[in-house]
Protein backbone atom coordinates (compact mmCIF):
# COMPACT_ATOMS: atom_id res chain seq x y z
CA UNK A 1 -24.00 21.23 9.07
CA UNK A 2 -22.60 20.20 5.68
CA UNK A 3 -22.55 16.58 4.58
CA UNK A 4 -18.77 16.45 4.99
CA UNK A 5 -19.19 17.17 8.69
CA UNK A 6 -21.48 14.22 9.37
CA UNK A 7 -19.80 11.50 11.40
CA UNK A 8 -19.31 8.36 9.34
CA UNK A 9 -20.41 10.07 6.12
CA UNK A 10 -17.90 8.08 4.05
CA UNK A 11 -18.85 4.74 5.64
CA UNK A 12 -21.30 2.45 3.79
CA UNK A 13 -24.71 2.81 5.42
CA UNK A 14 -24.83 -0.88 6.33
CA UNK A 15 -21.56 -0.61 8.28
CA UNK A 16 -21.92 2.70 10.10
CA UNK A 17 -22.96 0.95 13.28
CA UNK A 18 -19.87 -1.26 13.28
CA UNK A 19 -17.67 1.74 12.46
CA UNK A 20 -19.05 3.68 15.43
CA UNK A 21 -18.43 0.67 17.67
CA UNK A 22 -14.90 0.39 16.29
CA UNK A 23 -14.15 4.05 17.07
CA UNK A 24 -15.43 3.58 20.62
CA UNK A 25 -13.26 0.49 21.07
CA UNK A 26 -10.03 2.14 19.90
CA UNK A 27 -10.73 5.23 22.02
CA UNK A 28 -10.89 3.08 25.16
CA UNK A 29 -8.25 0.49 24.20
CA UNK A 30 -4.94 0.69 26.06
CA UNK A 31 -2.84 -1.80 24.07
CA UNK A 32 -1.51 -1.98 20.52
CA UNK A 33 -4.41 -1.20 18.17
CA UNK A 34 -3.10 -3.58 15.50
CA UNK A 35 -4.60 -6.47 17.46
CA UNK A 36 -8.14 -5.11 17.02
CA UNK A 37 -10.44 -6.31 14.25
CA UNK A 38 -11.49 -3.50 11.91
CA UNK A 39 -14.81 -3.30 9.99
CA UNK A 40 -14.67 -5.00 6.56
CA UNK A 41 -14.91 -1.83 4.47
CA UNK A 42 -11.65 -0.50 5.94
CA UNK A 43 -9.66 -3.70 5.33
CA UNK A 44 -7.15 -3.85 2.49
CA UNK A 45 -6.64 -6.91 0.26
CA UNK A 46 -2.89 -6.20 0.37
CA UNK A 47 -0.56 -7.88 2.86
CA UNK A 48 2.02 -5.93 4.84
CA UNK A 49 4.72 -8.02 3.15
CA UNK A 50 3.93 -6.21 -0.11
CA UNK A 51 4.58 -2.74 1.31
CA UNK A 52 8.40 -2.78 0.84
CA UNK A 53 7.69 -2.82 -2.91
CA UNK A 54 6.94 0.90 -2.60
CA UNK A 55 10.69 1.40 -2.06
CA UNK A 56 11.17 0.05 -5.60
CA UNK A 57 8.53 2.02 -7.51
CA UNK A 58 11.14 4.24 -9.16
CA UNK A 59 14.03 1.88 -9.95
CA UNK A 60 15.62 4.52 -12.18
CA UNK A 61 15.94 6.95 -9.26
CA UNK A 62 17.25 4.14 -7.05
CA UNK A 63 19.83 3.11 -9.66
CA UNK A 64 20.95 6.73 -10.11
CA UNK A 65 22.41 6.71 -6.59
CA UNK A 66 25.34 4.69 -7.92
CA UNK A 67 26.11 7.30 -10.60
CA UNK A 68 26.90 10.09 -8.12
CA UNK A 69 30.53 11.25 -8.24
CA UNK A 70 31.07 12.55 -4.70
CA UNK A 71 29.71 12.35 -1.16
CA UNK A 72 27.37 15.32 -1.40
CA UNK A 73 25.83 14.45 -4.77
CA UNK A 74 25.42 10.85 -3.60
CA UNK A 75 23.65 12.02 -0.43
CA UNK A 76 21.33 14.14 -2.56
CA UNK A 77 20.63 11.14 -4.79
CA UNK A 78 19.76 9.02 -1.74
CA UNK A 79 17.47 11.77 -0.46
CA UNK A 80 15.83 12.14 -3.88
CA UNK A 81 15.14 8.40 -3.97
CA UNK A 82 13.77 8.47 -0.40
CA UNK A 83 11.34 11.24 -1.35
CA UNK A 84 10.23 9.28 -4.41
CA UNK A 85 9.01 6.43 -2.18
CA UNK A 86 6.71 8.57 -0.02
CA UNK A 87 3.74 8.99 -2.33
CA UNK A 88 3.33 5.27 -2.94
CA UNK A 89 3.86 4.31 0.68
CA UNK A 90 1.57 6.83 2.29
CA UNK A 91 -1.01 8.23 -0.16
CA UNK A 92 -1.60 5.71 -2.95
CA UNK A 93 -4.44 3.87 -1.15
CA UNK A 94 -6.41 7.12 -0.95
CA UNK A 95 -6.24 7.38 -4.72
CA UNK A 96 -6.82 3.72 -5.60
CA UNK A 97 -9.19 2.66 -2.79
CA UNK A 98 -10.79 5.94 -1.68
CA UNK A 99 -9.16 6.01 1.76
CA UNK A 100 -6.37 4.47 3.77
CA UNK A 101 -6.97 0.78 4.51
CA UNK A 102 -5.76 -1.58 7.21
CA UNK A 103 -3.37 -4.05 5.53
CA UNK A 104 -3.62 -7.78 6.04
CA UNK A 105 -1.50 -9.21 8.84
CA UNK A 106 1.05 -11.61 7.28
CA UNK A 107 1.54 -15.14 8.54
CA UNK A 108 4.92 -16.13 9.93
CA UNK A 109 7.27 -17.03 7.09
CA UNK A 110 5.15 -15.34 4.41
CA UNK A 111 7.29 -14.35 1.41
CA UNK A 112 6.94 -11.71 -1.27
CA UNK A 113 9.17 -11.30 -4.32
CA UNK A 114 9.52 -8.40 -6.75
CA UNK A 115 11.57 -7.63 -9.85
CA UNK A 116 11.96 -4.37 -11.78
CA UNK A 117 14.04 -4.87 -14.96
CA UNK A 118 15.38 -2.01 -17.03
CA UNK A 119 12.66 -0.80 -19.40
CA UNK A 120 12.92 -0.02 -23.10
CA UNK A 121 12.99 3.69 -22.27
CA UNK A 122 15.75 3.38 -19.66
CA UNK A 123 19.43 2.74 -20.05
CA UNK A 124 20.45 -0.92 -20.08
CA UNK A 125 23.11 0.02 -17.53
CA UNK A 126 20.30 0.72 -15.05
CA UNK A 127 20.25 -2.98 -14.23
CA UNK A 128 17.49 -4.96 -12.55
CA UNK A 129 16.18 -4.18 -9.08
CA UNK A 130 15.00 -7.17 -7.05
CA UNK A 131 13.07 -7.44 -3.79
CA UNK A 132 12.76 -10.23 -1.24
CA UNK A 133 10.43 -9.82 1.76
CA UNK A 134 9.79 -12.22 4.63
CA UNK A 135 7.59 -12.01 7.70
CA UNK A 136 10.15 -12.99 10.32
CA UNK A 137 8.02 -12.58 13.45
CA UNK A 138 4.31 -12.83 14.17
CA UNK A 139 4.18 -11.60 17.79
CA UNK A 140 5.18 -8.84 17.44
CA UNK A 141 4.76 -8.60 13.64
CA UNK A 142 8.12 -7.81 12.02
CA UNK A 143 8.79 -7.65 8.29
CA UNK A 144 12.31 -7.96 6.86
CA UNK A 145 13.32 -7.09 3.30
CA UNK A 146 16.27 -6.95 0.92
CA UNK A 147 16.38 -4.70 -2.17
CA UNK A 148 19.27 -5.15 -4.55
CA UNK A 149 20.56 -3.91 -7.88
CA UNK A 150 23.70 -5.94 -8.53
CA UNK A 151 24.55 -4.10 -11.74
CA UNK A 152 24.75 -0.78 -9.88
CA UNK A 153 26.25 -2.18 -6.68
CA UNK A 154 23.27 -1.21 -4.51
CA UNK A 155 21.87 -3.25 -1.64
CA UNK A 156 19.32 -2.19 0.97
CA UNK A 157 18.50 -4.37 3.99
CA UNK A 158 15.82 -3.38 6.45
CA UNK A 159 13.10 -4.41 8.84
CA UNK A 160 10.07 -2.70 10.28
CA UNK A 161 7.27 -3.16 12.76
CA UNK A 162 4.55 -0.86 14.06
CA UNK A 163 3.14 0.17 17.41
CA UNK A 164 -0.21 1.91 17.18
CA UNK A 165 -2.11 3.97 19.71
CA UNK A 166 -5.04 6.40 19.82
CA UNK A 167 -4.62 10.06 20.72
CA UNK A 168 -6.83 13.13 20.24
CA UNK A 169 -9.01 11.54 17.58
CA UNK A 170 -6.13 10.12 15.54
CA UNK A 171 -4.31 6.82 15.31
CA UNK A 172 -0.58 7.26 15.96
CA UNK A 173 1.70 4.75 14.26
CA UNK A 174 5.25 4.50 15.55
CA UNK A 175 7.29 2.70 12.92
CA UNK A 176 10.01 0.61 14.52
CA UNK A 177 13.06 -0.44 12.57
CA UNK A 178 15.39 1.00 9.96
CA UNK A 179 17.07 0.25 6.66
CA UNK A 180 20.74 0.29 5.70
CA UNK A 181 21.63 1.16 2.12
CA UNK A 182 25.07 0.01 0.95
CA UNK A 183 26.62 1.56 -2.16
CA UNK A 184 29.62 -0.25 -3.66
CA UNK A 185 31.93 2.31 -5.27
CA UNK A 186 34.19 1.80 -8.32
CA UNK A 187 37.30 1.97 -6.09
CA UNK A 188 36.09 -1.17 -4.25
CA UNK A 189 35.06 0.75 -1.14
CA UNK A 190 31.55 0.87 0.27
CA UNK A 191 29.40 3.69 1.61
CA UNK A 192 26.49 3.06 3.95
CA UNK A 193 23.41 5.11 4.81
CA UNK A 194 21.15 4.37 7.76
CA UNK A 195 17.54 5.36 7.06
CA UNK A 196 14.92 5.70 9.78
CA UNK A 197 11.17 5.54 9.23
CA UNK A 198 8.73 8.43 9.79
CA UNK A 199 6.05 8.39 12.43
CA UNK A 200 2.51 8.40 11.05
CA UNK A 201 -0.74 9.99 12.15
CA UNK A 202 -3.96 8.63 10.68
CA UNK A 203 -6.68 11.28 10.55
CA UNK A 204 -10.18 11.33 9.07
CA UNK A 205 -11.47 8.57 11.36
CA UNK A 206 -14.55 10.51 12.46
CA UNK A 207 -15.82 10.68 8.88
CA UNK A 208 -14.83 7.12 8.02
CA UNK A 209 -12.27 8.28 5.45
CA UNK A 210 -8.82 7.71 7.00
CA UNK A 211 -5.70 9.24 5.50
CA UNK A 212 -2.06 9.41 6.58
CA UNK A 213 -0.06 12.42 7.72
CA UNK A 214 3.71 12.10 8.17
CA UNK A 215 5.06 13.55 11.41
CA UNK A 216 8.35 14.05 13.20
CA UNK A 217 11.69 13.41 11.50
CA UNK A 218 13.29 10.77 9.31
CA UNK A 219 17.08 10.59 9.39
CA UNK A 220 19.41 9.48 6.62
CA UNK A 221 22.88 9.27 8.09
CA UNK A 222 26.07 8.18 6.35
CA UNK A 223 28.17 8.75 3.27
CA UNK A 224 31.46 9.72 4.85
CA UNK A 225 31.19 13.29 6.12
CA UNK A 226 27.66 13.93 4.92
CA UNK A 227 24.69 14.01 7.28
CA UNK A 228 21.23 14.19 5.74
CA UNK A 229 18.11 15.13 7.63
CA UNK A 230 14.71 14.77 5.98
CA UNK A 231 12.02 16.41 8.06
CA UNK A 232 8.36 16.28 7.20
CA UNK A 233 6.69 19.41 8.53
CA UNK A 234 3.39 18.33 7.08
CA UNK A 235 2.91 15.80 4.32
CA UNK A 236 -0.65 16.21 3.19
CA UNK A 237 -2.80 13.64 1.44
CA UNK A 238 -1.25 14.37 -1.95
CA UNK A 239 2.30 14.36 -0.56
CA UNK A 240 3.11 17.63 -2.28
CA UNK A 241 6.70 18.81 -2.23
CA UNK A 242 5.69 22.04 -0.51
CA UNK A 243 5.07 20.09 2.68
CA UNK A 244 8.65 18.90 3.08
CA UNK A 245 11.90 20.48 4.20
CA UNK A 246 15.36 19.00 3.89
CA UNK A 247 18.75 19.79 5.36
CA UNK A 248 22.16 18.55 4.36
CA UNK A 249 25.09 19.04 6.70
CA UNK A 250 28.69 18.61 5.58
CA UNK A 251 31.88 19.48 7.42
CA UNK A 252 29.96 21.56 9.94
CA UNK A 253 28.30 23.73 7.30
CA UNK A 254 24.54 23.63 6.87
CA UNK A 255 22.92 23.71 3.47
CA UNK A 256 19.14 23.99 3.52
CA UNK A 257 17.06 22.82 0.61
CA UNK A 258 13.34 23.52 0.88
CA UNK A 259 11.03 21.72 -1.51
CA UNK A 260 13.27 21.73 -4.61
CA UNK A 261 10.90 22.36 -7.55
CA UNK A 262 13.07 20.25 -9.85
CA UNK A 263 12.28 17.23 -7.68
CA UNK A 264 8.59 17.37 -8.50
CA UNK A 265 8.92 14.21 -10.59
CA UNK A 266 9.70 12.31 -7.38
CA UNK A 267 6.03 12.65 -6.48
CA UNK A 268 4.66 11.28 -9.73
């Protein structure tokens, strides 16, 4: 048996006993796993209220949504921005911390603010993207957030919560909630997109090195007569474009775009 096949190989030696006990407890637990206390080495120093900041990691791609000239190009811009948020949201802890970590549970009323001004390398017309997050419920935990770029006429309002369970050696995270992106157009009309959140599967528990896989389907619906479906067949630990498939439906016609190579920068 190779070292990578040893249970708990990635767990610090002093905490392997507590990790084994933790795995036994989640395997037999029938409620929401978020209420369980995890071993210290798997805990993150980052609060859940900071997670909506991942939606803002590429403010240039977010701002570009407002520059689209028609429904279809705008839908593609929304989809491009959505893809650009995936790496930070679901794989960055593996790179910075060695494995996925359990975030801190926020206290009721906890606030988080963010601001992404236009940089020296970007156009001044890009504007400033701002973020406001508040923990609006403690039982169950619900996080609400507002992302806005007033210069570009973009505003996203959303909320999310999680229900977690254990199945076949993995933790299943059902993300509850959605976001609504409003785009104010030059003709004083507004276009809205409803964005749902992907379901997550956390694997690697047996070895003590958890990582996230995206499962099922995320929907982006709106933009007049444009319907966008973003389906994750398999988003591996590096969130490579090859693991994603996208469909755009307009006026009853189906256009399929599979892993556009030119969108590779979305995963930077």
